[in-house]
N, C-alpha and C. Protein backbone atom coordinates (compact mmCIF):
# COMPACT_ATOMS: atom_id res chain seq x y z
N MET A 1 118.58 195.11 194.46
CA MET A 1 117.38 195.60 193.44
C MET A 1 117.37 194.31 192.74
N GLY A 2 116.26 194.09 191.91
CA GLY A 2 115.75 192.96 191.04
C GLY A 2 115.96 193.56 189.37
N LEU A 3 115.84 192.80 189.10
CA LEU A 3 115.98 193.10 187.33
C LEU A 3 114.57 193.88 187.09
N LYS A 4 113.42 193.29 187.57
CA LYS A 4 112.37 194.36 187.29
C LYS A 4 112.42 195.65 187.76
N GLU A 5 112.64 195.73 188.72
CA GLU A 5 112.59 197.30 189.54
C GLU A 5 114.09 197.90 189.00
N ASP A 6 114.91 197.26 188.34
CA ASP A 6 116.02 198.00 187.72
C ASP A 6 115.21 198.64 186.32
N LEU A 7 114.57 197.65 185.60
CA LEU A 7 113.66 198.15 184.44
C LEU A 7 112.75 199.21 184.48
N VAL A 8 112.01 198.84 185.59
CA VAL A 8 110.95 200.17 185.71
C VAL A 8 111.72 201.46 186.31
N GLU A 9 112.90 201.30 186.84
CA GLU A 9 113.65 202.76 187.17
C GLU A 9 114.36 203.40 185.65
N GLU A 10 114.85 202.48 184.90
CA GLU A 10 115.36 202.91 183.57
C GLU A 10 114.27 203.18 182.58
N ILE A 11 113.51 202.67 182.39
CA ILE A 11 112.18 203.08 181.54
C ILE A 11 111.62 204.18 182.03
N GLY A 12 111.41 204.46 183.30
CA GLY A 12 110.71 205.45 183.93
C GLY A 12 111.53 206.99 183.70
N ARG A 13 113.17 206.42 183.49
CA ARG A 13 114.18 207.70 183.36
C ARG A 13 113.66 208.04 181.74
N LEU A 14 113.55 207.16 180.97
CA LEU A 14 113.58 207.30 179.47
C LEU A 14 112.38 208.09 178.94
N PHE A 15 111.41 207.72 179.90
CA PHE A 15 110.19 208.55 179.57
C PHE A 15 110.37 209.86 180.24
N ASP A 16 110.64 210.18 181.17
CA ASP A 16 111.33 211.36 181.57
C ASP A 16 112.12 212.28 180.53
N ASP A 17 113.00 211.37 180.16
CA ASP A 17 113.82 212.02 178.91
C ASP A 17 113.17 212.25 177.79
N PHE A 18 112.13 211.64 177.64
CA PHE A 18 111.45 211.76 175.98
C PHE A 18 110.47 212.88 176.43
N LEU A 19 110.02 213.73 177.62
CA LEU A 19 109.44 214.55 178.04
C LEU A 19 110.05 215.65 177.93
N ARG A 20 111.71 215.59 177.70
CA ARG A 20 112.28 216.87 177.95
C ARG A 20 112.70 217.34 176.52
N ILE A 21 112.33 216.53 175.70
CA ILE A 21 112.52 216.65 173.94
C ILE A 21 111.52 217.97 173.59
N GLU A 22 112.00 218.80 173.05
CA GLU A 22 111.04 219.69 172.75
C GLU A 22 110.08 219.58 171.54
N ASN A 23 108.79 219.58 171.48
CA ASN A 23 108.03 219.29 170.29
C ASN A 23 107.91 217.92 170.04
N ILE A 24 108.12 216.98 171.04
CA ILE A 24 108.09 215.51 170.82
C ILE A 24 106.38 215.18 170.97
N THR A 25 106.05 214.43 170.22
CA THR A 25 104.49 214.12 170.26
C THR A 25 104.42 212.53 170.92
N TYR A 26 103.30 212.57 171.21
CA TYR A 26 102.83 211.35 171.74
C TYR A 26 102.95 210.21 170.79
N GLU A 27 102.59 210.35 169.72
CA GLU A 27 102.75 209.13 168.65
C GLU A 27 104.29 208.79 168.70
N GLN A 28 105.30 209.72 168.74
CA GLN A 28 106.70 209.61 168.69
C GLN A 28 107.00 208.62 170.02
N ILE A 29 106.40 209.04 171.11
CA ILE A 29 107.03 208.24 172.35
C ILE A 29 106.36 206.71 172.27
N GLN A 30 105.08 206.79 171.80
CA GLN A 30 104.34 205.28 171.55
C GLN A 30 105.29 204.51 170.67
N TRP A 31 105.40 205.12 169.46
CA TRP A 31 106.48 204.18 168.41
C TRP A 31 107.78 203.94 169.13
N GLU A 32 108.28 204.47 169.90
CA GLU A 32 109.66 204.26 170.74
C GLU A 32 109.36 203.17 171.52
N VAL A 33 108.38 203.28 172.33
CA VAL A 33 107.90 201.85 173.45
C VAL A 33 107.53 200.93 172.44
N ASP A 34 106.68 200.70 171.27
CA ASP A 34 106.32 199.72 170.89
C ASP A 34 107.52 198.96 169.94
N ASN A 35 108.43 199.58 169.48
CA ASN A 35 109.68 199.31 168.69
C ASN A 35 111.01 199.00 169.49
N PHE A 36 110.99 199.41 170.33
CA PHE A 36 112.20 199.25 171.44
C PHE A 36 111.78 198.96 172.60
N ILE A 37 111.41 199.68 173.39
CA ILE A 37 111.10 199.10 174.88
C ILE A 37 110.65 197.80 174.66
N TYR A 38 109.25 197.68 174.20
CA TYR A 38 108.48 196.35 174.59
C TYR A 38 109.46 194.99 173.99
N PRO A 39 110.08 195.42 172.79
CA PRO A 39 110.82 194.14 172.43
C PRO A 39 112.13 193.60 173.34
N PHE A 40 112.66 195.00 173.90
CA PHE A 40 113.49 194.77 174.99
C PHE A 40 113.11 194.07 175.93
N ILE A 41 111.82 194.17 176.69
CA ILE A 41 111.18 193.57 177.72
C ILE A 41 111.01 191.90 177.34
N GLY A 42 110.45 191.91 176.24
CA GLY A 42 110.29 190.74 175.94
C GLY A 42 111.39 189.69 175.75
N SER A 43 112.39 189.93 175.38
CA SER A 43 113.96 189.58 175.50
C SER A 43 113.82 188.81 176.65
N TYR A 44 113.89 189.63 177.70
CA TYR A 44 114.25 189.26 178.97
C TYR A 44 113.35 188.18 179.67
N LEU A 45 111.86 188.47 179.19
CA LEU A 45 110.86 186.98 179.39
C LEU A 45 111.48 186.02 178.56
N ALA A 46 111.95 186.10 177.28
CA ALA A 46 112.04 184.91 176.27
C ALA A 46 113.70 184.33 176.94
N GLU A 47 114.11 185.09 177.56
CA GLU A 47 115.52 184.53 178.23
C GLU A 47 115.20 183.71 179.61
N GLY A 48 114.25 184.11 180.22
CA GLY A 48 113.79 183.56 181.41
C GLY A 48 114.20 184.40 182.62
N ARG A 49 115.04 185.91 182.07
CA ARG A 49 115.35 186.63 183.30
C ARG A 49 114.38 187.28 184.05
N LEU A 50 113.26 187.46 183.33
CA LEU A 50 111.91 187.90 184.09
C LEU A 50 110.92 186.65 183.82
N THR A 51 110.25 186.87 185.17
CA THR A 51 109.15 185.99 185.45
C THR A 51 107.74 186.56 184.46
N ARG A 52 106.95 185.49 184.05
CA ARG A 52 105.85 186.37 183.24
C ARG A 52 104.91 187.46 183.96
N GLU A 53 105.13 187.12 185.74
CA GLU A 53 104.40 188.08 186.26
C GLU A 53 105.06 189.62 186.24
N GLU A 54 106.33 189.30 186.30
CA GLU A 54 107.34 190.57 186.63
C GLU A 54 107.38 191.40 185.31
N GLY A 55 107.15 190.49 183.71
CA GLY A 55 107.08 191.02 182.75
C GLY A 55 105.82 191.92 182.32
N ARG A 56 104.72 191.37 183.01
CA ARG A 56 103.44 191.95 183.10
C ARG A 56 103.64 193.31 183.87
N ASP A 57 103.92 193.18 185.10
CA ASP A 57 104.44 194.62 185.84
C ASP A 57 105.02 195.75 185.12
N VAL A 58 106.05 195.08 184.38
CA VAL A 58 107.08 196.27 183.52
C VAL A 58 106.14 196.74 182.50
N PHE A 59 105.20 195.99 182.19
CA PHE A 59 104.37 196.14 180.77
C PHE A 59 103.31 197.20 181.07
N MET A 60 102.75 196.91 182.52
CA MET A 60 102.00 197.82 182.88
C MET A 60 102.22 198.79 183.15
N PHE A 61 103.61 199.36 184.02
CA PHE A 61 104.16 200.35 184.28
C PHE A 61 104.05 201.27 183.04
N CYS A 62 104.59 200.81 182.05
CA CYS A 62 104.53 201.38 180.38
C CYS A 62 103.27 201.92 180.08
N GLU A 63 102.28 201.17 180.15
CA GLU A 63 101.32 201.41 179.82
C GLU A 63 100.50 202.29 180.75
N LEU A 64 100.83 202.41 181.80
CA LEU A 64 100.17 203.46 182.52
C LEU A 64 100.81 204.91 182.34
N ARG A 65 102.52 204.86 182.28
CA ARG A 65 103.31 206.05 181.97
C ARG A 65 102.43 206.56 180.56
N LEU A 66 102.37 205.82 179.43
CA LEU A 66 101.96 206.41 178.47
C LEU A 66 100.60 207.00 178.63
N LYS A 67 99.61 206.35 179.23
CA LYS A 67 98.21 207.09 179.48
C LYS A 67 98.41 208.44 180.07
N GLU A 68 99.22 208.74 181.21
CA GLU A 68 99.86 209.76 181.69
C GLU A 68 100.32 210.69 180.71
N ILE A 69 101.27 210.45 180.19
CA ILE A 69 101.73 211.27 179.23
C ILE A 69 100.68 211.65 178.00
N LYS A 70 100.07 210.72 177.64
CA LYS A 70 98.67 211.21 176.69
C LYS A 70 98.04 212.25 177.23
N LYS A 71 97.65 211.78 178.37
CA LYS A 71 96.73 212.94 179.41
C LYS A 71 97.40 214.43 179.23
N MET A 72 98.78 214.29 179.64
CA MET A 72 99.41 215.55 180.09
C MET A 72 99.33 216.19 178.68
N MET A 73 99.63 215.45 177.32
CA MET A 73 100.10 216.19 176.61
C MET A 73 98.54 216.84 175.87
N GLU A 74 97.55 215.97 176.01
CA GLU A 74 96.28 216.38 175.19
C GLU A 74 95.83 217.72 176.49
N ASP A 75 96.30 217.56 177.70
CA ASP A 75 95.82 218.87 178.70
C ASP A 75 96.44 220.16 177.98
N ARG A 76 97.74 220.02 177.63
CA ARG A 76 98.76 221.07 177.36
C ARG A 76 98.12 221.74 175.99
N VAL A 77 97.69 220.85 175.06
CA VAL A 77 96.85 221.16 174.04
C VAL A 77 95.57 222.02 174.15
N ALA A 78 94.84 221.25 175.29
CA ALA A 78 93.79 222.23 175.63
C ALA A 78 93.58 223.68 176.16
N GLU A 79 94.82 223.64 176.66
CA GLU A 79 95.29 224.88 177.52
C GLU A 79 95.82 226.12 176.38
N LEU A 80 96.03 225.95 175.41
CA LEU A 80 96.42 226.75 173.97
C LEU A 80 95.48 227.29 173.37
């Protein structure tokens, strides 16, 4: 397995872990992604360990998961 696949797998687990935290908000998850995950991915790009296309794919994975999480949290609130 390559670095891109490893990152997607680990970041996916991190998103899952965020969702297990009681009372976490979408904004808190977004903050974590913006301030820790994105710079982390960027460092791999800067080092040349990820190609530009691989980096884009990892960023897109994050964006899609964030959209899913936002919708899921909005749906939860609507049910209350």
